[in-house]
Amino acid sequence: MRSGWWVVMVSVVGVREVGEVRRRHLAVLAYEVEARGLRWRLAGPQESVLSVVGPRTRRQVMVVATPVASGWSFLWSGGGMADVGRVAEVADRLARLLA
C-alpha cells in the first residue's frame, strides 16, 4: 500500500439485521412508554425513530436505538442516553420529561 492511500472495506452484510434489531429495541421501548400513558409511533426511514408524545402536554421526544461499542443504547433529544437493557428506566425518564 502506498503512503497516503487508504483501502476501506465496507460490508453491507448485516445492514438489514441492524435495522431489525433497532426496530425490536424501539418496539420494546414503545410497549413500556405506552404502559406509562404516553403515545408513540415509529417514524423515519425503515421506522428507525420512535416518536413519543405526552398526551396531556403534547410535548414530544424522538428516540433512536444505536449500536455502541458495548452493545446498543437509546439516545433521545435533550442529551439522553441509556443502555437498551434499562428500558423500564428509560420509559420512566421519558414519562417525567414529557409530564
PDB file of N, CA and C in Angstrom:
ATOM      1  N   MET A   1       0.846  -1.176   0.000  1.00  0.00           N
ATOM      2  CA  MET A   1       0.000   0.000   0.000  1.00  0.00           C
ATOM      3  C   MET A   1       0.887   1.233   0.000  1.00  0.00           C
ATOM      4  N   ARG A   2       0.599   2.180  -0.860  1.00  0.00           N
ATOM      5  CA  ARG A   2       1.377   3.413  -0.934  1.00  0.00           C
ATOM      6  C   ARG A   2       1.026   4.343   0.204  1.00  0.00           C
ATOM      7  N   SER A   3       1.982   5.164   0.573  1.00  0.00           N
ATOM      8  CA  SER A   3       1.743   6.174   1.599  1.00  0.00           C
ATOM      9  C   SER A   3       0.696   7.157   1.092  1.00  0.00           C
ATOM     10  N   GLY A   4      -0.249   7.502   1.952  1.00  0.00           N
ATOM     11  CA  GLY A   4      -1.289   8.454   1.567  1.00  0.00           C
ATOM     12  C   GLY A   4      -2.531   7.809   0.993  1.00  0.00           C
ATOM     13  N   TRP A   5      -2.504   6.516   0.748  1.00  0.00           N
ATOM     14  CA  TRP A   5      -3.664   5.814   0.218  1.00  0.00           C
ATOM     15  C   TRP A   5      -4.227   4.888   1.287  1.00  0.00           C
ATOM     16  N   TRP A   6      -5.517   4.876   1.379  1.00  0.00           N
ATOM     17  CA  TRP A   6      -6.180   4.000   2.335  1.00  0.00           C
ATOM     18  C   TRP A   6      -7.168   3.126   1.583  1.00  0.00           C
ATOM     19  N   VAL A   7      -7.224   1.891   1.966  1.00  0.00           N
ATOM     20  CA  VAL A   7      -8.209   0.985   1.405  1.00  0.00           C
ATOM     21  C   VAL A   7      -9.280   0.780   2.471  1.00  0.00           C
ATOM     22  N   VAL A   8     -10.503   1.050   2.101  1.00  0.00           N
ATOM     23  CA  VAL A   8     -11.604   0.908   3.042  1.00  0.00           C
ATOM     24  C   VAL A   8     -12.492  -0.233   2.568  1.00  0.00           C
ATOM     25  N   MET A   9     -12.676  -1.202   3.418  1.00  0.00           N
ATOM     26  CA  MET A   9     -13.557  -2.326   3.118  1.00  0.00           C
ATOM     27  C   MET A   9     -14.854  -2.101   3.886  1.00  0.00           C
ATOM     28  N   VAL A  10     -15.955  -2.043   3.170  1.00  0.00           N
ATOM     29  CA  VAL A  10     -17.251  -1.836   3.802  1.00  0.00           C
ATOM     30  C   VAL A  10     -18.109  -3.058   3.507  1.00  0.00           C
ATOM     31  N   SER A  11     -18.669  -3.631   4.525  1.00  0.00           N
ATOM     32  CA  SER A  11     -19.533  -4.781   4.354  1.00  0.00           C
ATOM     33  C   SER A  11     -20.983  -4.347   4.467  1.00  0.00           C
ATOM     34  N   VAL A  12     -21.795  -4.745   3.500  1.00  0.00           N
ATOM     35  CA  VAL A  12     -23.218  -4.465   3.579  1.00  0.00           C
ATOM     36  C   VAL A  12     -23.953  -5.622   4.230  1.00  0.00           C
ATOM     37  N   VAL A  13     -23.249  -6.708   4.478  1.00  0.00           N
ATOM     38  CA  VAL A  13     -23.853  -7.834   5.171  1.00  0.00           C
ATOM     39  C   VAL A  13     -24.168  -7.392   6.589  1.00  0.00           C
ATOM     40  N   GLY A  14     -25.366  -7.630   7.000  1.00  0.00           N
ATOM     41  CA  GLY A  14     -25.755  -7.255   8.348  1.00  0.00           C
ATOM     42  C   GLY A  14     -26.510  -5.950   8.437  1.00  0.00           C
ATOM     43  N   VAL A  15     -26.574  -5.167   7.394  1.00  0.00           N
ATOM     44  CA  VAL A  15     -27.283  -3.891   7.451  1.00  0.00           C
ATOM     45  C   VAL A  15     -28.761  -4.128   7.737  1.00  0.00           C
ATOM     46  N   ARG A  16     -29.347  -5.109   7.065  1.00  0.00           N
ATOM     47  CA  ARG A  16     -30.752  -5.416   7.304  1.00  0.00           C
ATOM     48  C   ARG A  16     -30.967  -5.894   8.732  1.00  0.00           C
ATOM     49  N   GLU A  17     -30.047  -6.712   9.206  1.00  0.00           N
ATOM     50  CA  GLU A  17     -30.156  -7.222  10.566  1.00  0.00           C
ATOM     51  C   GLU A  17     -30.053  -6.098  11.589  1.00  0.00           C
ATOM     52  N   VAL A  18     -29.200  -5.115  11.341  1.00  0.00           N
ATOM     53  CA  VAL A  18     -29.079  -3.968  12.242  1.00  0.00           C
ATOM     54  C   VAL A  18     -30.413  -3.235  12.320  1.00  0.00           C
ATOM     55  N   GLY A  19     -31.049  -3.034  11.189  1.00  0.00           N
ATOM     56  CA  GLY A  19     -32.350  -2.378  11.172  1.00  0.00           C
ATOM     57  C   GLY A  19     -33.396  -3.157  11.943  1.00  0.00           C
ATOM     58  N   GLU A  20     -33.367  -4.467  11.821  1.00  0.00           N
ATOM     59  CA  GLU A  20     -34.323  -5.312  12.544  1.00  0.00           C
ATOM     60  C   GLU A  20     -34.086  -5.248  14.047  1.00  0.00           C
ATOM     61  N   VAL A  21     -32.838  -5.293  14.451  1.00  0.00           N
ATOM     62  CA  VAL A  21     -32.513  -5.194  15.880  1.00  0.00           C
ATOM     63  C   VAL A  21     -32.931  -3.826  16.407  1.00  0.00           C
ATOM     64  N   ARG A  22     -32.658  -2.771  15.646  1.00  0.00           N
ATOM     65  CA  ARG A  22     -33.045  -1.411  16.045  1.00  0.00           C
ATOM     66  C   ARG A  22     -34.557  -1.338  16.265  1.00  0.00           C
ATOM     67  N   ARG A  23     -35.341  -1.831  15.302  1.00  0.00           N
ATOM     68  CA  ARG A  23     -36.796  -1.788  15.433  1.00  0.00           C
ATOM     69  C   ARG A  23     -37.276  -2.627  16.618  1.00  0.00           C
ATOM     70  N   ARG A  24     -36.623  -3.739  16.881  1.00  0.00           N
ATOM     71  CA  ARG A  24     -37.003  -4.576  18.023  1.00  0.00           C
ATOM     72  C   ARG A  24     -36.804  -3.821  19.334  1.00  0.00           C
ATOM     73  N   HIS A  25     -35.651  -3.152  19.479  1.00  0.00           N
ATOM     74  CA  HIS A  25     -35.396  -2.360  20.691  1.00  0.00           C
ATOM     75  C   HIS A  25     -36.418  -1.234  20.838  1.00  0.00           C
ATOM     76  N   LEU A  26     -36.718  -0.562  19.734  1.00  0.00           N
ATOM     77  CA  LEU A  26     -37.695   0.533  19.788  1.00  0.00           C
ATOM     78  C   LEU A  26     -39.094   0.015  20.110  1.00  0.00           C
ATOM     79  N   ALA A  27     -39.440  -1.167  19.610  1.00  0.00           N
ATOM     80  CA  ALA A  27     -40.753  -1.749  19.902  1.00  0.00           C
ATOM     81  C   ALA A  27     -40.890  -2.072  21.384  1.00  0.00           C
ATOM     82  N   VAL A  28     -39.827  -2.583  22.002  1.00  0.00           N
ATOM     83  CA  VAL A  28     -39.857  -2.875  23.440  1.00  0.00           C
ATOM     84  C   VAL A  28     -40.050  -1.580  24.224  1.00  0.00           C
ATOM     85  N   LEU A  29     -39.345  -0.531  23.820  1.00  0.00           N
ATOM     86  CA  LEU A  29     -39.500   0.763  24.486  1.00  0.00           C
ATOM     87  C   LEU A  29     -40.902   1.317  24.257  1.00  0.00           C
ATOM     88  N   ALA A  30     -41.442   1.154  23.066  1.00  0.00           N
ATOM     89  CA  ALA A  30     -42.796   1.632  22.771  1.00  0.00           C
ATOM     90  C   ALA A  30     -43.809   0.977  23.717  1.00  0.00           C
ATOM     91  N   TYR A  31     -43.676  -0.312  23.946  1.00  0.00           N
ATOM     92  CA  TYR A  31     -44.563  -1.013  24.877  1.00  0.00           C
ATOM     93  C   TYR A  31     -44.467  -0.403  26.272  1.00  0.00           C
ATOM     94  N   GLU A  32     -43.234  -0.127  26.708  1.00  0.00           N
ATOM     95  CA  GLU A  32     -43.022   0.435  28.045  1.00  0.00           C
ATOM     96  C   GLU A  32     -43.578   1.851  28.184  1.00  0.00           C
ATOM     97  N   VAL A  33     -43.395   2.691  27.175  1.00  0.00           N
ATOM     98  CA  VAL A  33     -43.908   4.061  27.287  1.00  0.00           C
ATOM     99  C   VAL A  33     -45.429   4.077  27.206  1.00  0.00           C
ATOM    100  N   GLU A  34     -46.003   3.178  26.412  1.00  0.00           N
ATOM    101  CA  GLU A  34     -47.460   3.096  26.334  1.00  0.00           C
ATOM    102  C   GLU A  34     -48.037   2.680  27.692  1.00  0.00           C
ATOM    103  N   ALA A  35     -47.355   1.788  28.391  1.00  0.00           N
ATOM    104  CA  ALA A  35     -47.799   1.359  29.717  1.00  0.00           C
ATOM    105  C   ALA A  35     -47.782   2.516  30.718  1.00  0.00           C
ATOM    106  N   ARG A  36     -47.040   3.571  30.408  1.00  0.00           N
ATOM    107  CA  ARG A  36     -46.966   4.755  31.265  1.00  0.00           C
ATOM    108  C   ARG A  36     -47.879   5.873  30.780  1.00  0.00           C
ATOM    109  N   GLY A  37     -48.755   5.564  29.835  1.00  0.00           N
ATOM    110  CA  GLY A  37     -49.741   6.527  29.371  1.00  0.00           C
ATOM    111  C   GLY A  37     -49.273   7.452  28.264  1.00  0.00           C
ATOM    112  N   LEU A  38     -48.125   7.168  27.665  1.00  0.00           N
ATOM    113  CA  LEU A  38     -47.610   8.011  26.582  1.00  0.00           C
ATOM    114  C   LEU A  38     -48.037   7.442  25.236  1.00  0.00           C
ATOM    115  N   ARG A  39     -48.138   8.315  24.249  1.00  0.00           N
ATOM    116  CA  ARG A  39     -48.421   7.881  22.878  1.00  0.00           C
ATOM    117  C   ARG A  39     -47.101   7.745  22.140  1.00  0.00           C
ATOM    118  N   TRP A  40     -47.090   6.914  21.114  1.00  0.00           N
ATOM    119  CA  TRP A  40     -45.863   6.715  20.350  1.00  0.00           C
ATOM    120  C   TRP A  40     -46.210   6.341  18.910  1.00  0.00           C
ATOM    121  N   ARG A  41     -45.204   6.494  18.050  1.00  0.00           N
ATOM    122  CA  ARG A  41     -45.276   5.981  16.679  1.00  0.00           C
ATOM    123  C   ARG A  41     -43.855   5.818  16.169  1.00  0.00           C
ATOM    124  N   LEU A  42     -43.670   4.841  15.299  1.00  0.00           N
ATOM    125  CA  LEU A  42     -42.375   4.665  14.650  1.00  0.00           C
ATOM    126  C   LEU A  42     -42.340   5.554  13.424  1.00  0.00           C
ATOM    127  N   ALA A  43     -41.226   6.229  13.209  1.00  0.00           N
ATOM    128  CA  ALA A  43     -41.097   7.177  12.111  1.00  0.00           C
ATOM    129  C   ALA A  43     -39.727   7.025  11.466  1.00  0.00           C
ATOM    130  N   GLY A  44     -39.503   7.806  10.441  1.00  0.00           N
ATOM    131  CA  GLY A  44     -38.200   7.840   9.789  1.00  0.00           C
ATOM    132  C   GLY A  44     -37.994   6.701   8.813  1.00  0.00           C
ATOM    133  N   PRO A  45     -36.846   6.716   8.150  1.00  0.00           N
ATOM    134  CA  PRO A  45     -36.535   5.650   7.194  1.00  0.00           C
ATOM    135  C   PRO A  45     -36.511   4.293   7.892  1.00  0.00           C
ATOM    136  N   GLN A  46     -37.210   3.327   7.333  1.00  0.00           N
ATOM    137  CA  GLN A  46     -37.300   1.978   7.892  1.00  0.00           C
ATOM    138  C   GLN A  46     -37.744   1.978   9.361  1.00  0.00           C
ATOM    139  N   GLU A  47     -38.575   2.934   9.729  1.00  0.00           N
ATOM    140  CA  GLU A  47     -39.090   3.046  11.100  1.00  0.00           C
ATOM    141  C   GLU A  47     -37.949   3.017  12.116  1.00  0.00           C
ATOM    142  N   SER A  48     -36.968   3.875  11.904  1.00  0.00           N
ATOM    143  CA  SER A  48     -35.752   3.871  12.712  1.00  0.00           C
ATOM    144  C   SER A  48     -35.778   4.846  13.884  1.00  0.00           C
ATOM    145  N   VAL A  49     -36.893   5.548  14.070  1.00  0.00           N
ATOM    146  CA  VAL A  49     -37.010   6.534  15.140  1.00  0.00           C
ATOM    147  C   VAL A  49     -38.339   6.307  15.863  1.00  0.00           C
ATOM    148  N   LEU A  50     -38.299   6.383  17.177  1.00  0.00           N
ATOM    149  CA  LEU A  50     -39.520   6.285  17.969  1.00  0.00           C
ATOM    150  C   LEU A  50     -39.895   7.689  18.425  1.00  0.00           C
ATOM    151  N   SER A  51     -41.069   8.136  18.006  1.00  0.00           N
ATOM    152  CA  SER A  51     -41.593   9.427  18.428  1.00  0.00           C
ATOM    153  C   SER A  51     -42.517   9.170  19.612  1.00  0.00           C
ATOM    154  N   VAL A  52     -42.238   9.817  20.739  1.00  0.00           N
ATOM    155  CA  VAL A  52     -43.024   9.632  21.957  1.00  0.00           C
ATOM    156  C   VAL A  52     -43.640  10.979  22.331  1.00  0.00           C
ATOM    157  N   VAL A  53     -44.941  10.967  22.642  1.00  0.00           N
ATOM    158  CA  VAL A  53     -45.665  12.197  22.940  1.00  0.00           C
ATOM    159  C   VAL A  53     -46.392  12.056  24.272  1.00  0.00           C
ATOM    160  N   GLY A  54     -46.283  13.095  25.075  1.00  0.00           N
ATOM    161  CA  GLY A  54     -47.076  13.183  26.296  1.00  0.00           C
ATOM    162  C   GLY A  54     -48.471  13.633  25.923  1.00  0.00           C
ATOM    163  N   PRO A  55     -49.512  12.814  26.124  1.00  0.00           N
ATOM    164  CA  PRO A  55     -50.847  13.171  25.637  1.00  0.00           C
ATOM    165  C   PRO A  55     -51.433  14.420  26.288  1.00  0.00           C
ATOM    166  N   ARG A  56     -51.079  14.679  27.517  1.00  0.00           N
ATOM    167  CA  ARG A  56     -51.620  15.864  28.204  1.00  0.00           C
ATOM    168  C   ARG A  56     -50.869  17.123  27.782  1.00  0.00           C
ATOM    169  N   THR A  57     -49.549  17.051  27.762  1.00  0.00           N
ATOM    170  CA  THR A  57     -48.735  18.232  27.461  1.00  0.00           C
ATOM    171  C   THR A  57     -48.461  18.407  25.972  1.00  0.00           C
ATOM    172  N   ARG A  58     -48.598  17.315  25.217  1.00  0.00           N
ATOM    173  CA  ARG A  58     -48.273  17.273  23.784  1.00  0.00           C
ATOM    174  C   ARG A  58     -46.792  17.534  23.513  1.00  0.00           C
ATOM    175  N   ARG A  59     -45.982  17.432  24.553  1.00  0.00           N
ATOM    176  CA  ARG A  59     -44.539  17.516  24.349  1.00  0.00           C
ATOM    177  C   ARG A  59     -44.086  16.233  23.673  1.00  0.00           C
ATOM    178  N   GLN A  60     -43.011  16.350  22.889  1.00  0.00           N
ATOM    179  CA  GLN A  60     -42.555  15.218  22.084  1.00  0.00           C
ATOM    180  C   GLN A  60     -41.059  15.021  22.238  1.00  0.00           C
ATOM    181  N   VAL A  61     -40.642  13.776  22.161  1.00  0.00           N
ATOM    182  CA  VAL A  61     -39.223  13.447  22.158  1.00  0.00           C
ATOM    183  C   VAL A  61     -39.007  12.345  21.118  1.00  0.00           C
ATOM    184  N   MET A  62     -37.880  12.426  20.437  1.00  0.00           N
ATOM    185  CA  MET A  62     -37.515  11.431  19.438  1.00  0.00           C
ATOM    186  C   MET A  62     -36.422  10.542  20.028  1.00  0.00           C
ATOM    187  N   VAL A  63     -36.582   9.228  19.869  1.00  0.00           N
ATOM    188  CA  VAL A  63     -35.641   8.263  20.430  1.00  0.00           C
ATOM    189  C   VAL A  63     -35.108   7.382  19.300  1.00  0.00           C
ATOM    190  N   VAL A  64     -33.808   7.137  19.321  1.00  0.00           N
ATOM    191  CA  VAL A  64     -33.198   6.184  18.400  1.00  0.00           C
ATOM    192  C   VAL A  64     -32.499   5.107  19.228  1.00  0.00           C
ATOM    193  N   ALA A  65     -32.325   3.955  18.623  1.00  0.00           N
ATOM    194  CA  ALA A  65     -31.521   2.891  19.205  1.00  0.00           C
ATOM    195  C   ALA A  65     -30.326   2.731  18.285  1.00  0.00           C
ATOM    196  N   THR A  66     -29.136   2.759  18.854  1.00  0.00           N
ATOM    197  CA  THR A  66     -27.935   2.719  18.028  1.00  0.00           C
ATOM    198  C   THR A  66     -26.897   1.770  18.602  1.00  0.00           C
ATOM    199  N   PRO A  67     -26.169   1.074  17.727  1.00  0.00           N
ATOM    200  CA  PRO A  67     -25.105   0.218  18.232  1.00  0.00           C
ATOM    201  C   PRO A  67     -23.960   1.075  18.777  1.00  0.00           C
ATOM    202  N   VAL A  68     -23.426   0.654  19.898  1.00  0.00           N
ATOM    203  CA  VAL A  68     -22.259   1.290  20.509  1.00  0.00           C
ATOM    204  C   VAL A  68     -21.255   0.186  20.810  1.00  0.00           C
ATOM    205  N   ALA A  69     -20.076   0.569  21.247  1.00  0.00           N
ATOM    206  CA  ALA A  69     -19.013  -0.405  21.476  1.00  0.00           C
ATOM    207  C   ALA A  69     -19.437  -1.530  22.415  1.00  0.00           C
ATOM    208  N   SER A  70     -20.254  -1.217  23.401  1.00  0.00           N
ATOM    209  CA  SER A  70     -20.634  -2.220  24.405  1.00  0.00           C
ATOM    210  C   SER A  70     -21.966  -2.900  24.106  1.00  0.00           C
ATOM    211  N   GLY A  71     -22.586  -2.619  22.977  1.00  0.00           N
ATOM    212  CA  GLY A  71     -23.881  -3.215  22.632  1.00  0.00           C
ATOM    213  C   GLY A  71     -24.772  -2.222  21.932  1.00  0.00           C
ATOM    214  N   TRP A  72     -25.926  -1.905  22.548  1.00  0.00           N
ATOM    215  CA  TRP A  72     -26.884  -0.954  21.985  1.00  0.00           C
ATOM    216  C   TRP A  72     -27.291   0.042  23.043  1.00  0.00           C
ATOM    217  N   SER A  73     -27.561   1.262  22.607  1.00  0.00           N
ATOM    218  CA  SER A  73     -28.039   2.305  23.513  1.00  0.00           C
ATOM    219  C   SER A  73     -29.198   3.054  22.882  1.00  0.00           C
ATOM    220  N   PHE A  74     -30.067   3.565  23.755  1.00  0.00           N
ATOM    221  CA  PHE A  74     -31.085   4.519  23.329  1.00  0.00           C
ATOM    222  C   PHE A  74     -30.493   5.907  23.453  1.00  0.00           C
ATOM    223  N   LEU A  75     -30.780   6.752  22.476  1.00  0.00           N
ATOM    224  CA  LEU A  75     -30.411   8.170  22.520  1.00  0.00           C
ATOM    225  C   LEU A  75     -31.689   8.957  22.265  1.00  0.00           C
ATOM    226  N   TRP A  76     -31.871  10.047  22.995  1.00  0.00           N
ATOM    227  CA  TRP A  76     -33.051  10.872  22.745  1.00  0.00           C
ATOM    228  C   TRP A  76     -32.701  12.336  22.849  1.00  0.00           C
ATOM    229  N   SER A  77     -33.532  13.153  22.214  1.00  0.00           N
ATOM    230  CA  SER A  77     -33.291  14.586  22.158  1.00  0.00           C
ATOM    231  C   SER A  77     -33.180  15.153  23.566  1.00  0.00           C
ATOM    232  N   GLY A  78     -32.332  16.141  23.703  1.00  0.00           N
ATOM    233  CA  GLY A  78     -32.058  16.733  25.004  1.00  0.00           C
ATOM    234  C   GLY A  78     -30.859  16.113  25.689  1.00  0.00           C
ATOM    235  N   GLY A  79     -30.143  15.227  24.998  1.00  0.00           N
ATOM    236  CA  GLY A  79     -28.920  14.641  25.553  1.00  0.00           C
ATOM    237  C   GLY A  79     -29.091  13.353  26.316  1.00  0.00           C
ATOM    238  N   GLY A  80     -30.262  12.721  26.246  1.00  0.00           N
ATOM    239  CA  GLY A  80     -30.478  11.478  26.973  1.00  0.00           C
ATOM    240  C   GLY A  80     -29.790  10.303  26.318  1.00  0.00           C
ATOM    241  N   MET A  81     -29.267   9.416  27.155  1.00  0.00           N
ATOM    242  CA  MET A  81     -28.607   8.208  26.663  1.00  0.00           C
ATOM    243  C   MET A  81     -28.671   7.135  27.743  1.00  0.00           C
ATOM    244  N   ALA A  82     -29.004   5.904  27.336  1.00  0.00           N
ATOM    245  CA  ALA A  82     -29.032   4.788  28.276  1.00  0.00           C
ATOM    246  C   ALA A  82     -28.931   3.483  27.501  1.00  0.00           C
ATOM    247  N   ASP A  83     -28.401   2.477  28.145  1.00  0.00           N
ATOM    248  CA  ASP A  83     -28.301   1.139  27.568  1.00  0.00           C
ATOM    249  C   ASP A  83     -29.708   0.593  27.325  1.00  0.00           C
ATOM    250  N   VAL A  84     -29.891  -0.154  26.242  1.00  0.00           N
ATOM    251  CA  VAL A  84     -31.216  -0.701  25.926  1.00  0.00           C
ATOM    252  C   VAL A  84     -31.685  -1.708  26.970  1.00  0.00           C
ATOM    253  N   GLY A  85     -30.797  -2.247  27.758  1.00  0.00           N
ATOM    254  CA  GLY A  85     -31.171  -3.158  28.821  1.00  0.00           C
ATOM    255  C   GLY A  85     -31.889  -2.462  29.966  1.00  0.00           C
ATOM    256  N   ARG A  86     -31.861  -1.147  29.981  1.00  0.00           N
ATOM    257  CA  ARG A  86     -32.510  -0.356  31.039  1.00  0.00           C
ATOM    258  C   ARG A  86     -33.802   0.271  30.517  1.00  0.00           C
ATOM    259  N   VAL A  87     -34.562  -0.488  29.752  1.00  0.00           N
ATOM    260  CA  VAL A  87     -35.726   0.035  29.045  1.00  0.00           C
ATOM    261  C   VAL A  87     -36.786   0.595  30.002  1.00  0.00           C
ATOM    262  N   ALA A  88     -37.027  -0.051  31.131  1.00  0.00           N
ATOM    263  CA  ALA A  88     -38.030   0.465  32.077  1.00  0.00           C
ATOM    264  C   ALA A  88     -37.591   1.815  32.631  1.00  0.00           C
ATOM    265  N   GLU A  89     -36.317   1.936  32.948  1.00  0.00           N
ATOM    266  CA  GLU A  89     -35.786   3.210  33.443  1.00  0.00           C
ATOM    267  C   GLU A  89     -35.898   4.295  32.378  1.00  0.00           C
ATOM    268  N   VAL A  90     -35.607   3.956  31.135  1.00  0.00           N
ATOM    269  CA  VAL A  90     -35.720   4.929  30.036  1.00  0.00           C
ATOM    270  C   VAL A  90     -37.171   5.382  29.895  1.00  0.00           C
ATOM    271  N   ALA A  91     -38.113   4.446  29.946  1.00  0.00           N
ATOM    272  CA  ALA A  91     -39.530   4.806  29.849  1.00  0.00           C
ATOM    273  C   ALA A  91     -39.933   5.732  30.997  1.00  0.00           C
ATOM    274  N   ASP A  92     -39.451   5.450  32.203  1.00  0.00           N
ATOM    275  CA  ASP A  92     -39.747   6.330  33.345  1.00  0.00           C
ATOM    276  C   ASP A  92     -39.178   7.724  33.124  1.00  0.00           C
ATOM    277  N   ARG A  93     -37.948   7.799  32.613  1.00  0.00           N
ATOM    278  CA  ARG A  93     -37.319   9.095  32.362  1.00  0.00           C
ATOM    279  C   ARG A  93     -38.089   9.874  31.300  1.00  0.00           C
ATOM    280  N   LEU A  94     -38.523   9.183  30.249  1.00  0.00           N
ATOM    281  CA  LEU A  94     -39.292   9.855  29.197  1.00  0.00           C
ATOM    282  C   LEU A  94     -40.630  10.338  29.735  1.00  0.00           C
ATOM    283  N   ALA A  95     -41.268   9.538  30.577  1.00  0.00           N
ATOM    284  CA  ALA A  95     -42.555   9.939  31.158  1.00  0.00           C
ATOM    285  C   ALA A  95     -42.386  11.209  31.993  1.00  0.00           C
ATOM    286  N   ARG A  96     -41.305  11.289  32.772  1.00  0.00           N
ATOM    287  CA  ARG A  96     -41.051  12.513  33.564  1.00  0.00           C
ATOM    288  C   ARG A  96     -40.759  13.689  32.644  1.00  0.00           C
ATOM    289  N   LEU A  97     -39.991  13.445  31.606  1.00  0.00           N
ATOM    290  CA  LEU A  97     -39.626  14.516  30.671  1.00  0.00           C
ATOM    291  C   LEU A  97     -40.854  15.090  29.969  1.00  0.00           C
ATOM    292  N   LEU A  98     -41.818  14.243  29.683  1.00  0.00           N
ATOM    293  CA  LEU A  98     -42.989  14.657  28.907  1.00  0.00           C
ATOM    294  C   LEU A  98     -44.192  15.015  29.779  1.00  0.00           C
ATOM    295  N   ALA A  99     -44.018  14.976  31.096  1.00  0.00           N
ATOM    296  CA  ALA A  99     -45.130  15.288  32.027  1.00  0.00           C
ATOM    297  C   ALA A  99     -45.455  16.756  32.004  1.00  0.00           C
TER     298      ALA A  99
END
